[in-house]
Amino acid sequence: MSSFQPRFRTASPAARHQPTRTGVYFRGVSGKLIQAAAGDDVKFPLTEECMKGRGTLKRRLQDNSLHSVGDLDGSWKPAPGYINRLFQSSDSVILTSADISDEGYYEFDCNNKREESAQLQVFIPSDVFVHEGEDAILPCRSITAGQWVKSVRWRRDGEVVLDVRSGKTTYGNGFNESRVSIPSDWDQRANLSLIIKRAEARDGGVYYCDIDKVEKHRSAVRLHVSTPPTPPSTTSQPTTTERPSECSDWSWRTFLIMAAVFVIVGLLVWLCWFLRNRKFNVCTPGFGGGSSEREEIKLENVTISKGDGHLCNGTEEGGGGGSEEGRESDCDQQHMLKSNGNPDFINDEPKKKNNSTLKL
């Protein structure tokens, strides 16, 4: 009975027509299984015998014939047909850009000692695309009803992700029952798809589905996990909310600074006015009040003359009479009274008091 693999929406055209891998290629031939996606590099691990000395690497075809892949003569060199495709690293021989035609068993013979064979299978994987945080479903379908299934295994890069064997499920490193699973009714519905919950970027890669039963089934799926795009509103929202806030803060700062400047200037103007007014009030009583010692000037027999406007000591000098010295003395007395704030001498001309005598 041939296996059945329906089409998936996520599968590429080449993968939809990919044949199912069945059984062992050659009777009596076995070896370590190496799985690779088309276009990827394949590593064949080297033993100590194959690190130096002499030896060969051959590939066994379906007709059981052997073809040389590389030769060991101190170091590994590619055989004809593998030029620029075979290289040696520190612990393995690397076959670059694997293709379907490279499938087969690879056998090392180093220093006349035959090493364990390696079975290479090359797949054209289907593709599944998800965003981070979404659940990924990697398709794998094969008829299981009425068949004895020895095991169901999912692997990535040679490492086990999930293994169901004899009713017991085990998980690989970095995976557990809360993250990966297959449908609980897989044995009845032929659905062995791997479910990865809340996929992360590190989950990307090529996954291989191996079903060990009478007719073996093997397929591959490449998982692509990308970061979800950021909505335009999410990026523009912080910009529109921050600008008004910055402008508002700047307006308030400007207002507070200007207010502080006006207050300081007002205080300075008031202080200057206060000090100036206080100085004036302090000086004025000393000259116009009656308490200053300077005002205690006793003038006796001071008369005001109508004729020439001079103050004279003693009797009035008539008609501009009197000596020059007398007039100068009269003027000196007049200036003295005027500077001392005498109310009778505030105006330019002394108040007229007809022949009256002022006594202070």
Protein backbone atom coordinates (compact mmCIF):
# COMPACT_ATOMS: atom_id res chain seq x y z
CA MET A 1 0.00 0.00 0.00
CA SER A 2 1.45 3.36 -0.96
CA SER A 3 1.44 6.23 1.48
CA PHE A 4 -0.81 9.23 0.97
CA GLN A 5 0.25 12.83 1.35
CA PRO A 6 -2.40 15.49 0.51
CA ARG A 7 -1.65 18.98 -0.66
CA PHE A 8 -1.15 21.78 1.86
CA ARG A 9 -1.72 25.43 1.25
CA THR A 10 1.73 26.23 2.65
CA ALA A 11 3.57 23.67 0.53
CA SER A 12 5.58 24.68 -2.53
CA PRO A 13 4.70 23.10 -5.91
CA ALA A 14 7.82 20.93 -5.82
CA ALA A 15 7.07 19.69 -2.33
CA ARG A 16 3.47 18.76 -3.23
CA HIS A 17 4.74 16.26 -5.80
CA GLN A 18 7.65 15.01 -3.67
CA PRO A 19 7.63 11.23 -3.29
CA THR A 20 7.52 9.66 0.13
CA ARG A 21 10.78 8.18 1.41
CA THR A 22 10.37 4.46 1.84
CA GLY A 23 12.44 1.83 3.63
CA VAL A 24 16.12 1.05 3.28
CA TYR A 25 17.63 1.57 -0.11
CA PHE A 26 19.70 -1.58 -0.32
CA ARG A 27 19.34 -4.98 1.15
CA GLY A 28 21.86 -5.55 3.89
CA VAL A 29 23.06 -1.90 3.93
CA SER A 30 22.41 0.38 6.92
CA GLY A 31 23.97 3.40 8.50
CA LYS A 32 23.48 6.66 10.35
CA LEU A 33 20.68 8.77 8.85
CA ILE A 34 21.62 12.26 7.64
CA GLN A 35 18.76 14.48 6.44
CA ALA A 36 19.22 17.72 4.51
CA ALA A 37 17.16 20.24 2.57
CA ALA A 38 17.99 20.81 -1.07
CA GLY A 39 20.63 23.52 -1.37
CA ASP A 40 21.98 23.06 2.17
CA ASP A 41 25.47 21.79 3.05
CA VAL A 42 25.92 18.25 4.40
CA LYS A 43 28.52 17.32 7.02
CA PHE A 44 30.01 13.80 7.19
CA PRO A 45 31.74 13.42 10.59
CA LEU A 46 35.34 12.12 10.53
CA THR A 47 36.83 9.53 12.85
CA GLU A 48 40.45 9.64 14.02
CA GLU A 49 41.43 7.18 11.28
CA CYS A 50 39.98 9.52 8.66
CA MET A 51 41.72 12.64 9.95
CA LYS A 52 45.09 11.71 8.43
CA GLY A 53 46.81 8.96 6.44
CA ARG A 54 45.20 7.49 3.34
CA GLY A 55 41.61 6.63 2.50
CA THR A 56 38.57 7.14 0.27
CA LEU A 57 34.95 8.32 0.49
CA LYS A 58 32.53 6.49 -1.84
CA ARG A 59 28.81 6.70 -2.56
CA ARG A 60 26.76 3.52 -3.17
CA LEU A 61 24.08 3.90 -5.84
CA GLN A 62 20.82 1.96 -6.19
CA ASP A 63 22.47 -0.55 -8.51
CA ASN A 64 24.91 -1.25 -5.67
CA SER A 65 27.78 0.32 -7.60
CA LEU A 66 30.35 2.52 -5.82
CA HIS A 67 31.49 5.94 -7.04
CA SER A 68 34.41 7.92 -5.60
CA VAL A 69 33.56 11.22 -3.87
CA GLY A 70 36.96 12.16 -2.35
CA ASP A 71 40.40 10.81 -1.54
CA LEU A 72 42.45 11.10 1.64
CA ASP A 73 46.16 11.70 1.16
CA GLY A 74 47.14 13.59 4.26
CA SER A 75 44.02 15.73 3.63
CA TRP A 76 40.76 15.21 1.78
CA LYS A 77 40.61 16.20 -1.90
CA PRO A 78 37.49 16.03 -4.16
CA ALA A 79 37.21 13.35 -6.84
CA PRO A 80 36.14 14.18 -10.43
CA GLY A 81 32.49 15.25 -10.41
CA TYR A 82 32.83 16.87 -6.95
CA ILE A 83 35.33 19.64 -7.73
CA ASN A 84 34.48 22.79 -5.72
CA ARG A 85 31.85 20.84 -3.79
CA LEU A 86 33.90 18.84 -1.28
CA PHE A 87 35.85 20.53 1.55
CA GLN A 88 37.41 19.43 4.81
CA SER A 89 36.83 21.17 8.14
CA SER A 90 38.40 20.41 11.50
CA ASP A 91 36.14 17.39 12.23
CA SER A 92 34.15 16.61 9.08
CA VAL A 93 33.98 16.49 5.29
CA ILE A 94 31.46 18.96 3.88
CA LEU A 95 29.42 18.40 0.71
CA THR A 96 28.01 21.74 -0.42
CA SER A 97 24.65 22.47 -2.11
CA ALA A 98 23.05 19.07 -1.66
CA ASP A 99 20.61 17.88 -4.32
CA ILE A 100 18.20 14.99 -4.76
CA SER A 101 20.78 13.25 -6.95
CA ASP A 102 23.18 13.15 -3.97
CA GLU A 103 21.02 10.69 -2.03
CA GLY A 104 22.55 7.37 -1.14
CA TYR A 105 24.91 5.67 1.32
CA TYR A 106 28.34 7.18 1.92
CA GLU A 107 31.13 4.87 3.07
CA PHE A 108 34.53 5.83 4.51
CA ASP A 109 37.54 3.52 4.11
CA CYS A 110 40.52 5.04 5.97
CA ASN A 111 43.94 3.38 6.47
CA ASN A 112 42.48 0.06 5.26
CA LYS A 113 39.72 0.27 7.88
CA ARG A 114 36.09 0.53 6.84
CA GLU A 115 34.01 3.01 8.84
CA GLU A 116 30.26 3.06 9.49
CA SER A 117 28.13 4.11 6.52
CA ALA A 118 25.92 7.23 6.50
CA GLN A 119 22.59 7.40 4.73
CA LEU A 120 21.89 10.77 3.11
CA GLN A 121 18.34 11.87 2.32
CA VAL A 122 17.67 15.19 0.57
CA PHE A 123 14.29 16.89 0.76
CA ILE A 124 12.58 19.79 -0.97
CA PRO A 125 10.74 21.14 2.09
CA SER A 126 7.38 22.85 2.07
CA ASP A 127 7.30 26.34 3.60
CA VAL A 128 5.29 27.67 6.54
CA PHE A 129 5.32 31.39 7.40
CA VAL A 130 4.21 32.80 10.76
CA HIS A 131 4.78 35.90 12.88
CA GLU A 132 6.34 35.78 16.32
CA GLY A 133 3.77 34.89 18.96
CA GLU A 134 1.54 32.97 16.53
CA ASP A 135 1.02 29.19 16.55
CA ALA A 136 2.78 27.31 13.74
CA ILE A 137 1.43 24.07 12.25
CA LEU A 138 4.00 22.01 10.34
CA PRO A 139 2.12 19.49 8.12
CA CYS A 140 2.91 15.78 8.11
CA ARG A 141 0.31 13.19 6.99
CA SER A 142 0.56 9.48 6.45
CA ILE A 143 -1.87 6.58 6.69
CA THR A 144 -1.71 5.04 10.15
CA ALA A 145 -5.10 3.37 10.57
CA GLY A 146 -4.76 -0.39 10.59
CA GLN A 147 -0.95 -0.21 10.69
CA TRP A 148 1.45 -0.80 13.48
CA VAL A 149 3.40 2.43 13.99
CA LYS A 150 6.66 1.90 15.80
CA SER A 151 7.45 5.59 16.34
CA VAL A 152 6.69 9.15 15.25
CA ARG A 153 9.62 11.54 15.38
CA TRP A 154 10.11 15.22 14.60
CA ARG A 155 13.69 16.47 14.30
CA ARG A 156 15.44 19.73 13.46
CA ASP A 157 19.12 19.93 12.45
CA GLY A 158 19.58 16.35 13.57
CA GLU A 159 18.22 17.07 17.06
CA VAL A 160 15.00 15.53 18.39
CA VAL A 161 12.11 17.93 18.92
CA LEU A 162 9.36 15.40 19.77
CA ASP A 163 9.41 11.57 19.85
CA VAL A 164 6.36 9.36 20.36
CA ARG A 165 7.26 5.76 20.99
CA SER A 166 5.22 3.00 22.66
CA GLY A 167 2.66 5.52 23.91
CA LYS A 168 5.34 7.64 25.60
CA THR A 169 6.25 11.15 24.43
CA THR A 170 9.68 12.70 24.97
CA TYR A 171 10.88 16.21 24.10
CA GLY A 172 14.16 17.67 22.96
CA ASN A 173 16.17 20.52 24.48
CA GLY A 174 14.30 23.83 24.39
CA PHE A 175 10.94 22.14 23.82
CA ASN A 176 8.29 20.80 26.20
CA GLU A 177 4.66 19.72 26.25
CA SER A 178 3.47 23.32 26.68
CA ARG A 179 5.11 24.37 23.38
CA VAL A 180 5.07 21.41 20.96
CA SER A 181 2.56 18.64 20.32
CA ILE A 182 0.83 16.51 17.66
CA PRO A 183 -2.94 15.79 17.45
CA SER A 184 -4.08 13.33 20.10
CA ASP A 185 -6.00 11.24 17.51
CA TRP A 186 -3.05 11.01 15.08
CA ASP A 187 -3.25 7.20 14.96
CA GLN A 188 -6.81 7.38 13.56
CA ARG A 189 -6.77 10.43 11.32
CA ALA A 190 -3.30 10.16 9.75
CA ASN A 191 -2.49 13.68 10.93
CA LEU A 192 0.92 13.90 12.58
CA SER A 193 1.45 17.63 12.06
CA LEU A 194 3.69 19.37 14.57
CA ILE A 195 2.07 22.25 16.48
CA ILE A 196 4.43 24.92 17.89
CA LYS A 197 2.68 27.36 20.22
CA ARG A 198 3.78 30.98 20.41
CA ALA A 199 6.53 30.59 17.82
CA GLU A 200 9.76 32.50 18.37
CA ALA A 201 12.46 33.63 15.94
CA ARG A 202 14.81 30.92 17.23
CA ASP A 203 12.26 28.25 16.20
CA GLY A 204 12.93 28.85 12.50
CA GLY A 205 14.60 26.10 10.44
CA VAL A 206 13.94 22.83 8.63
CA TYR A 207 11.93 20.21 10.51
CA TYR A 208 11.81 16.53 9.47
CA CYS A 209 8.87 14.22 10.10
CA ASP A 210 9.83 10.52 10.37
CA ILE A 211 7.15 7.84 10.75
CA ASP A 212 8.56 4.40 11.40
CA LYS A 213 6.04 1.79 10.23
CA VAL A 214 5.85 -0.93 7.61
CA GLU A 215 6.25 1.67 4.89
CA LYS A 216 8.37 4.46 6.30
CA HIS A 217 7.36 8.04 5.74
CA ARG A 218 9.73 11.00 5.80
CA SER A 219 9.02 14.61 4.85
CA ALA A 220 10.39 18.07 5.59
CA VAL A 221 8.95 21.52 6.39
CA ARG A 222 10.86 24.80 6.56
CA LEU A 223 9.50 27.17 9.21
CA HIS A 224 9.92 30.93 8.72
CA VAL A 225 9.28 33.10 11.79
CA SER A 226 9.22 36.86 11.23
CA THR A 227 8.67 39.89 13.42
CA PRO A 228 5.14 41.29 12.96
CA PRO A 229 5.00 44.70 11.24
CA THR A 230 4.36 47.69 13.45
CA PRO A 231 1.03 49.44 12.66
CA PRO A 232 1.47 53.04 11.43
CA SER A 233 -0.78 54.37 14.21
CA THR A 234 1.48 52.81 16.84
CA THR A 235 4.55 54.65 15.57
CA SER A 236 2.82 57.98 14.95
CA GLN A 237 0.89 58.08 18.24
CA PRO A 238 3.92 58.85 20.49
CA THR A 239 4.97 61.62 18.12
CA THR A 240 1.61 63.40 18.18
CA THR A 241 1.28 63.14 21.96
CA GLU A 242 4.80 64.23 22.84
CA ARG A 243 4.96 67.44 20.79
CA PRO A 244 2.04 69.21 22.50
CA SER A 245 3.44 68.18 25.85
CA GLU A 246 6.86 69.64 25.01
CA CYS A 247 5.28 72.89 23.73
CA SER A 248 3.09 73.12 26.83
CA ASP A 249 6.08 72.61 29.12
CA TRP A 250 8.05 75.25 27.21
CA SER A 251 5.16 77.78 27.46
CA TRP A 252 4.82 77.31 31.18
CA ARG A 253 8.57 77.61 31.69
CA THR A 254 8.67 80.82 29.64
CA PHE A 255 5.72 82.26 31.57
CA LEU A 256 7.29 81.46 34.95
CA ILE A 257 10.65 82.94 33.91
CA MET A 258 9.05 86.17 32.63
CA ALA A 259 6.93 86.47 35.77
CA ALA A 260 10.00 86.05 37.98
CA VAL A 261 11.86 88.73 35.97
CA PHE A 262 8.99 91.20 36.33
CA VAL A 263 8.75 90.56 40.07
CA ILE A 264 12.48 91.08 40.57
CA VAL A 265 12.49 94.29 38.49
CA GLY A 266 9.46 95.60 40.42
CA LEU A 267 11.14 94.90 43.75
CA LEU A 268 14.29 96.72 42.65
CA VAL A 269 12.30 99.78 41.47
CA TRP A 270 10.33 99.87 44.74
CA LEU A 271 13.51 99.52 46.79
CA CYS A 272 15.19 102.41 44.96
CA TRP A 273 12.10 104.61 45.43
CA PHE A 274 11.88 103.69 49.10
CA LEU A 275 15.53 104.44 49.82
CA ARG A 276 15.39 107.74 47.89
CA ASN A 277 12.19 108.90 49.67
CA ARG A 278 13.58 107.93 53.07
CA LYS A 279 16.75 109.93 52.43
CA PHE A 280 14.69 113.00 51.52
CA ASN A 281 12.54 112.71 54.66
CA VAL A 282 15.61 112.28 56.82
CA CYS A 283 17.34 115.42 55.47
CA THR A 284 14.30 117.74 55.44
CA PRO A 285 13.62 118.03 59.22
CA GLY A 286 17.21 118.99 59.75
CA PHE A 287 16.69 122.19 57.77
CA GLY A 288 12.99 123.13 58.06
CA GLY A 289 12.03 121.79 61.45
CA GLY A 290 12.34 123.55 64.70
CA SER A 291 14.46 120.95 66.40
CA SER A 292 17.80 121.42 64.64
CA GLU A 293 20.56 123.15 66.47
CA ARG A 294 21.37 125.06 63.30
CA GLU A 295 18.05 126.92 63.55
CA GLU A 296 18.86 128.25 66.98
CA ILE A 297 20.00 131.53 65.50
CA LYS A 298 19.11 134.62 67.40
CA LEU A 299 18.65 137.65 65.28
CA GLU A 300 18.03 140.81 67.08
CA ASN A 301 17.11 144.16 65.71
CA VAL A 302 16.74 142.74 62.17
CA THR A 303 14.65 145.05 60.00
CA ILE A 304 13.40 144.74 56.45
CA SER A 305 14.03 147.76 54.28
CA LYS A 306 11.55 148.63 51.57
CA GLY A 307 13.92 150.76 49.61
CA ASP A 308 16.65 148.57 48.26
CA GLY A 309 15.48 145.19 49.57
CA HIS A 310 18.54 144.82 51.84
CA LEU A 311 18.54 143.65 55.43
CA CYS A 312 20.28 146.07 57.70
CA ASN A 313 21.58 145.89 61.25
CA GLY A 314 20.34 148.63 63.50
CA THR A 315 18.36 151.36 61.74
CA GLU A 316 17.29 151.51 58.13
CA GLU A 317 19.72 153.07 55.71
CA GLY A 318 17.81 155.45 53.60
CA GLY A 319 17.68 155.86 49.84
CA GLY A 320 20.53 153.62 48.92
CA GLY A 321 22.66 155.20 51.59
CA GLY A 322 25.18 153.37 53.59
CA SER A 323 28.55 152.08 52.80
CA GLU A 324 29.46 149.15 50.58
CA GLU A 325 30.44 147.09 53.54
CA GLY A 326 27.02 147.63 55.12
CA ARG A 327 25.20 146.40 52.08
CA GLU A 328 27.32 143.27 51.85
CA SER A 329 26.59 142.54 55.50
CA ASP A 330 22.86 142.96 54.87
CA CYS A 331 22.99 140.50 51.93
CA ASP A 332 24.86 137.94 53.96
CA GLN A 333 22.19 138.02 56.62
CA GLN A 334 19.44 137.67 54.05
CA HIS A 335 21.05 134.56 52.50
CA MET A 336 21.52 133.09 55.95
CA LEU A 337 17.83 133.47 56.79
CA LYS A 338 16.76 132.07 53.44
CA SER A 339 18.95 128.99 53.71
CA ASN A 340 17.71 128.29 57.25
CA GLY A 341 14.13 127.94 56.00
CA ASN A 342 12.77 131.13 57.52
CA PRO A 343 9.16 131.36 56.34
CA ASP A 344 9.50 135.07 55.81
CA PHE A 345 12.19 134.52 53.17
CA ILE A 346 10.84 131.63 51.05
CA ASN A 347 10.06 133.79 48.05
CA ASP A 348 12.66 135.71 46.11
CA GLU A 349 11.58 138.95 47.85
CA PRO A 350 11.12 139.06 51.61
CA LYS A 351 7.65 139.54 52.86
CA LYS A 352 6.95 143.16 53.54
CA LYS A 353 6.38 144.08 57.05
CA ASN A 354 6.10 147.83 57.40
CA ASN A 355 8.90 148.81 59.62
CA SER A 356 8.31 145.80 61.86
CA THR A 357 11.00 144.09 63.70
CA LEU A 358 11.38 140.22 63.61
CA LYS A 359 12.61 138.61 66.72
CA LEU A 360 13.34 134.85 66.74
